[in-house]
């Protein structure tokens, strides 16, 4: 798996999962979802700050990464846009200590 699966938490009960298409694949080339609640949408280009870490993913680590990312963006004098979202790059069978994660936040 070379493209991330992103996760935007809305609440404890609901969140959005996004699968990023490989570079060069247009939305028209994407597989047709079997479930009608799944949509293929094109998002505009954006500048995004990222904070990477290796290892597991849980609420504690996500909150820690989110706080560190906000502090870094503020320290750089940049303005965040929207909410932090997370990218996870590895399948479940990857050993935890090798998993790659990112906290991401669009910036102005």
N, C-alpha and C. Protein backbone atom coordinates (compact mmCIF):
# COMPACT_ATOMS: atom_id res chain seq x y z
N UNK A 1 0.85 -1.17 0.00
CA UNK A 1 0.00 0.00 0.00
C UNK A 1 0.89 1.23 0.00
N UNK A 2 0.78 2.06 -1.01
CA UNK A 2 1.64 3.23 -1.11
C UNK A 2 0.90 4.53 -0.91
N UNK A 3 -0.42 4.51 -0.94
CA UNK A 3 -1.19 5.72 -0.72
C UNK A 3 -1.88 5.62 0.63
N UNK A 4 -2.12 6.77 1.27
CA UNK A 4 -2.68 6.70 2.62
C UNK A 4 -4.17 6.45 2.64
N UNK A 5 -4.62 5.98 3.78
CA UNK A 5 -6.02 5.96 4.13
C UNK A 5 -6.16 7.05 5.17
N UNK A 6 -7.00 8.06 4.90
CA UNK A 6 -7.12 9.16 5.85
C UNK A 6 -8.35 9.01 6.70
N UNK A 7 -8.30 9.63 7.86
CA UNK A 7 -9.34 9.47 8.87
C UNK A 7 -9.61 10.85 9.46
N UNK A 8 -10.84 11.32 9.32
CA UNK A 8 -11.25 12.60 9.89
C UNK A 8 -12.27 12.31 10.98
N UNK A 9 -11.86 12.43 12.26
CA UNK A 9 -12.81 12.15 13.33
C UNK A 9 -13.84 13.26 13.45
N UNK A 10 -15.12 12.90 13.53
CA UNK A 10 -16.20 13.86 13.75
C UNK A 10 -16.67 13.77 15.20
N UNK A 11 -16.75 12.59 15.71
CA UNK A 11 -17.17 12.32 17.08
C UNK A 11 -16.78 10.88 17.38
N UNK A 12 -17.03 10.46 18.57
CA UNK A 12 -16.70 9.07 18.92
C UNK A 12 -17.54 8.08 18.13
N UNK A 13 -18.73 8.51 17.71
CA UNK A 13 -19.65 7.59 17.04
C UNK A 13 -19.56 7.65 15.52
N UNK A 14 -18.96 8.70 14.96
CA UNK A 14 -18.97 8.87 13.51
C UNK A 14 -17.66 9.47 13.03
N UNK A 15 -17.15 8.98 11.92
CA UNK A 15 -15.96 9.55 11.31
C UNK A 15 -15.97 9.25 9.82
N UNK A 16 -15.09 9.90 9.09
CA UNK A 16 -15.01 9.74 7.64
C UNK A 16 -13.69 9.06 7.29
N UNK A 17 -13.75 8.05 6.45
CA UNK A 17 -12.57 7.37 5.94
C UNK A 17 -12.43 7.73 4.47
N UNK A 18 -11.22 8.08 4.06
CA UNK A 18 -10.94 8.40 2.66
C UNK A 18 -9.83 7.50 2.14
N UNK A 19 -9.99 7.04 0.93
CA UNK A 19 -8.95 6.28 0.26
C UNK A 19 -8.41 7.16 -0.85
N UNK A 20 -7.11 7.38 -0.85
CA UNK A 20 -6.49 8.27 -1.82
C UNK A 20 -6.15 7.47 -3.08
N UNK A 21 -6.58 7.98 -4.22
CA UNK A 21 -6.27 7.30 -5.48
C UNK A 21 -4.80 7.50 -5.83
N UNK A 22 -4.20 6.54 -6.48
CA UNK A 22 -2.80 6.68 -6.89
C UNK A 22 -2.62 7.86 -7.85
N UNK A 23 -1.44 8.44 -7.82
CA UNK A 23 -1.14 9.54 -8.72
C UNK A 23 -1.39 9.10 -10.16
N UNK A 24 -2.04 9.98 -10.93
CA UNK A 24 -2.32 9.69 -12.33
C UNK A 24 -3.67 9.04 -12.56
N UNK A 25 -4.35 8.58 -11.51
CA UNK A 25 -5.67 7.97 -11.68
C UNK A 25 -6.72 9.05 -11.48
N UNK A 26 -7.60 9.20 -12.44
CA UNK A 26 -8.66 10.20 -12.33
C UNK A 26 -9.85 9.59 -11.59
N UNK A 27 -10.75 10.44 -11.06
CA UNK A 27 -11.94 9.90 -10.39
C UNK A 27 -12.77 9.01 -11.31
N UNK A 28 -12.74 9.29 -12.61
CA UNK A 28 -13.49 8.46 -13.56
C UNK A 28 -12.92 7.05 -13.67
N UNK A 29 -11.62 6.89 -13.37
CA UNK A 29 -10.96 5.59 -13.43
C UNK A 29 -11.11 4.78 -12.14
N UNK A 30 -11.63 5.41 -11.09
CA UNK A 30 -11.76 4.74 -9.79
C UNK A 30 -12.79 3.62 -9.88
N UNK A 31 -12.62 2.59 -9.08
CA UNK A 31 -13.63 1.52 -9.05
C UNK A 31 -14.99 2.08 -8.63
N UNK A 32 -16.04 1.54 -9.16
CA UNK A 32 -17.39 1.98 -8.79
C UNK A 32 -17.73 1.35 -7.43
N UNK A 33 -18.09 2.19 -6.45
CA UNK A 33 -18.40 1.66 -5.11
C UNK A 33 -19.63 0.75 -5.16
N UNK A 34 -19.58 -0.34 -4.42
CA UNK A 34 -20.71 -1.27 -4.33
C UNK A 34 -21.79 -0.73 -3.39
N UNK A 35 -21.40 0.14 -2.47
CA UNK A 35 -22.32 0.71 -1.49
C UNK A 35 -22.66 2.14 -1.92
N UNK A 36 -23.94 2.47 -2.00
CA UNK A 36 -24.35 3.80 -2.48
C UNK A 36 -23.99 4.92 -1.50
N UNK A 37 -23.64 4.58 -0.27
CA UNK A 37 -23.24 5.64 0.67
C UNK A 37 -21.77 6.03 0.47
N UNK A 38 -21.05 5.29 -0.35
CA UNK A 38 -19.65 5.60 -0.67
C UNK A 38 -19.62 6.48 -1.91
N UNK A 39 -18.87 7.58 -1.82
CA UNK A 39 -18.80 8.51 -2.94
C UNK A 39 -17.35 8.71 -3.37
N UNK A 40 -17.16 8.93 -4.66
CA UNK A 40 -15.84 9.32 -5.19
C UNK A 40 -15.92 10.81 -5.42
N UNK A 41 -15.07 11.56 -4.73
CA UNK A 41 -15.05 13.02 -4.86
C UNK A 41 -13.62 13.47 -5.14
N UNK A 42 -13.52 14.54 -5.90
CA UNK A 42 -12.21 15.14 -6.19
C UNK A 42 -12.03 16.32 -5.26
N UNK A 43 -10.90 16.36 -4.58
CA UNK A 43 -10.62 17.46 -3.67
C UNK A 43 -9.60 18.38 -4.32
N UNK A 44 -9.74 19.69 -4.12
CA UNK A 44 -8.77 20.62 -4.71
C UNK A 44 -7.41 20.50 -4.03
N UNK A 45 -6.37 20.91 -4.76
CA UNK A 45 -5.03 20.93 -4.18
C UNK A 45 -5.01 21.83 -2.96
N UNK A 46 -4.18 21.50 -2.00
CA UNK A 46 -4.06 22.29 -0.77
C UNK A 46 -2.63 22.15 -0.23
N UNK A 47 -2.24 23.12 0.56
CA UNK A 47 -0.97 23.02 1.28
C UNK A 47 -1.29 22.45 2.65
N UNK A 48 -0.60 21.37 3.00
CA UNK A 48 -0.91 20.64 4.23
C UNK A 48 0.37 20.44 5.03
N UNK A 49 0.29 20.75 6.33
CA UNK A 49 1.39 20.46 7.25
C UNK A 49 1.21 19.04 7.77
N UNK A 50 2.31 18.34 7.97
CA UNK A 50 2.24 16.95 8.43
C UNK A 50 3.19 16.71 9.59
N UNK A 51 2.73 15.91 10.52
CA UNK A 51 3.58 15.44 11.61
C UNK A 51 3.54 13.92 11.56
N UNK A 52 4.70 13.30 11.33
CA UNK A 52 4.78 11.84 11.18
C UNK A 52 5.16 11.17 12.48
N UNK A 53 4.68 9.93 12.63
CA UNK A 53 5.18 9.08 13.70
C UNK A 53 5.03 7.63 13.31
N UNK A 54 5.87 6.81 13.91
CA UNK A 54 5.85 5.36 13.69
C UNK A 54 5.22 4.69 14.90
N UNK A 55 4.55 3.60 14.64
CA UNK A 55 3.97 2.84 15.73
C UNK A 55 2.46 2.74 15.60
N UNK A 56 1.84 2.48 16.72
CA UNK A 56 0.41 2.28 16.75
C UNK A 56 -0.38 3.57 16.58
N UNK A 57 -1.69 3.42 16.50
CA UNK A 57 -2.60 4.55 16.37
C UNK A 57 -3.72 4.36 17.37
N UNK A 58 -3.85 5.29 18.30
CA UNK A 58 -4.97 5.28 19.23
C UNK A 58 -5.30 6.73 19.58
N UNK A 59 -6.36 6.94 20.34
CA UNK A 59 -6.82 8.29 20.66
C UNK A 59 -5.74 9.11 21.36
N UNK A 60 -5.02 8.49 22.29
CA UNK A 60 -3.98 9.21 23.03
C UNK A 60 -2.89 9.70 22.09
N UNK A 61 -2.42 8.85 21.21
CA UNK A 61 -1.38 9.23 20.26
C UNK A 61 -1.89 10.26 19.26
N UNK A 62 -3.15 10.12 18.84
CA UNK A 62 -3.73 11.08 17.91
C UNK A 62 -3.83 12.46 18.54
N UNK A 63 -4.28 12.54 19.79
CA UNK A 63 -4.38 13.83 20.48
C UNK A 63 -3.00 14.46 20.69
N UNK A 64 -2.03 13.63 21.03
CA UNK A 64 -0.66 14.12 21.23
C UNK A 64 -0.11 14.68 19.91
N UNK A 65 -0.31 13.97 18.81
CA UNK A 65 0.17 14.43 17.50
C UNK A 65 -0.57 15.70 17.08
N UNK A 66 -1.86 15.75 17.33
CA UNK A 66 -2.66 16.93 16.97
C UNK A 66 -2.15 18.17 17.71
N UNK A 67 -1.89 18.04 19.01
CA UNK A 67 -1.39 19.18 19.79
C UNK A 67 -0.01 19.61 19.30
N UNK A 68 0.86 18.66 19.01
CA UNK A 68 2.21 18.98 18.52
C UNK A 68 2.14 19.66 17.16
N UNK A 69 1.25 19.19 16.29
CA UNK A 69 1.11 19.79 14.97
C UNK A 69 0.61 21.23 15.08
N UNK A 70 -0.40 21.46 15.91
CA UNK A 70 -0.90 22.83 16.10
C UNK A 70 0.21 23.73 16.64
N UNK A 71 0.98 23.25 17.61
CA UNK A 71 2.07 24.05 18.19
C UNK A 71 3.12 24.38 17.13
N UNK A 72 3.45 23.43 16.28
CA UNK A 72 4.44 23.64 15.23
C UNK A 72 3.95 24.66 14.21
N UNK A 73 2.69 24.54 13.81
CA UNK A 73 2.12 25.48 12.84
C UNK A 73 2.08 26.89 13.43
N UNK A 74 1.65 26.99 14.67
CA UNK A 74 1.60 28.30 15.32
C UNK A 74 3.01 28.88 15.45
N UNK A 75 3.98 28.05 15.83
CA UNK A 75 5.36 28.50 15.96
C UNK A 75 5.96 28.98 14.65
N UNK A 76 5.46 28.43 13.55
CA UNK A 76 5.95 28.83 12.22
C UNK A 76 5.20 30.05 11.69
N UNK A 77 4.22 30.55 12.47
CA UNK A 77 3.47 31.72 12.05
C UNK A 77 2.48 31.45 10.93
N UNK A 78 2.07 30.20 10.78
CA UNK A 78 1.10 29.84 9.73
C UNK A 78 -0.29 29.74 10.34
N UNK A 79 -1.30 29.86 9.49
CA UNK A 79 -2.69 29.81 9.93
C UNK A 79 -3.33 28.50 9.49
N UNK A 80 -3.82 27.70 10.45
CA UNK A 80 -4.49 26.44 10.08
C UNK A 80 -5.87 26.68 9.50
N UNK A 81 -6.29 25.77 8.65
CA UNK A 81 -7.63 25.79 8.04
C UNK A 81 -8.28 24.45 8.33
N UNK A 82 -9.42 24.46 8.99
CA UNK A 82 -10.16 23.23 9.22
C UNK A 82 -9.62 22.42 10.39
N UNK A 83 -9.96 21.14 10.37
CA UNK A 83 -9.63 20.22 11.46
C UNK A 83 -8.46 19.31 11.05
N UNK A 84 -7.77 18.83 12.05
CA UNK A 84 -6.70 17.85 11.83
C UNK A 84 -7.34 16.55 11.33
N UNK A 85 -6.68 15.92 10.36
CA UNK A 85 -7.08 14.58 9.93
C UNK A 85 -5.84 13.71 9.94
N UNK A 86 -6.02 12.43 9.86
CA UNK A 86 -4.92 11.49 10.04
C UNK A 86 -4.77 10.57 8.84
N UNK A 87 -3.53 10.23 8.53
CA UNK A 87 -3.23 9.29 7.45
C UNK A 87 -2.53 8.08 8.06
N UNK A 88 -2.95 6.92 7.60
CA UNK A 88 -2.32 5.66 8.03
C UNK A 88 -1.94 4.92 6.76
N UNK A 89 -0.71 4.47 6.68
CA UNK A 89 -0.16 3.98 5.43
C UNK A 89 -0.01 2.47 5.31
N UNK A 90 -0.21 1.75 6.36
CA UNK A 90 0.14 0.33 6.34
C UNK A 90 -1.06 -0.58 6.62
N UNK A 91 -1.05 -1.78 6.03
CA UNK A 91 -2.14 -2.73 6.29
C UNK A 91 -2.03 -3.29 7.71
N UNK A 92 -3.10 -3.86 8.23
CA UNK A 92 -3.12 -4.37 9.61
C UNK A 92 -2.07 -5.42 9.92
N UNK A 93 -1.61 -6.15 8.90
CA UNK A 93 -0.63 -7.20 9.19
C UNK A 93 0.79 -6.66 9.38
N UNK A 94 1.01 -5.36 9.16
CA UNK A 94 2.32 -4.74 9.40
C UNK A 94 2.57 -4.71 10.90
N UNK A 95 3.76 -5.16 11.35
CA UNK A 95 4.05 -5.08 12.79
C UNK A 95 3.88 -3.64 13.28
N UNK A 96 3.33 -3.49 14.47
CA UNK A 96 3.00 -2.17 15.01
C UNK A 96 4.20 -1.23 14.95
N UNK A 97 5.38 -1.70 15.32
CA UNK A 97 6.55 -0.81 15.37
C UNK A 97 7.00 -0.32 13.99
N UNK A 98 6.48 -0.90 12.92
CA UNK A 98 6.82 -0.47 11.56
C UNK A 98 5.73 0.40 10.91
N UNK A 99 4.58 0.55 11.56
CA UNK A 99 3.48 1.30 10.95
C UNK A 99 3.80 2.79 10.87
N UNK A 100 3.33 3.42 9.79
CA UNK A 100 3.56 4.84 9.55
C UNK A 100 2.24 5.60 9.63
N UNK A 101 2.26 6.70 10.34
CA UNK A 101 1.07 7.53 10.56
C UNK A 101 1.44 8.99 10.38
N UNK A 102 0.44 9.81 10.07
CA UNK A 102 0.63 11.25 10.00
C UNK A 102 -0.59 11.96 10.54
N UNK A 103 -0.36 13.06 11.26
CA UNK A 103 -1.40 14.03 11.57
C UNK A 103 -1.25 15.11 10.52
N UNK A 104 -2.35 15.51 9.88
CA UNK A 104 -2.31 16.46 8.77
C UNK A 104 -3.28 17.61 9.04
N UNK A 105 -2.88 18.80 8.59
CA UNK A 105 -3.73 19.97 8.77
C UNK A 105 -3.46 20.94 7.64
N UNK A 106 -4.53 21.31 6.93
CA UNK A 106 -4.39 22.27 5.86
C UNK A 106 -3.99 23.62 6.44
N UNK A 107 -3.10 24.33 5.74
CA UNK A 107 -2.65 25.64 6.20
C UNK A 107 -2.82 26.67 5.09
N UNK A 108 -3.02 27.93 5.51
CA UNK A 108 -3.19 29.02 4.55
C UNK A 108 -1.84 29.37 3.93
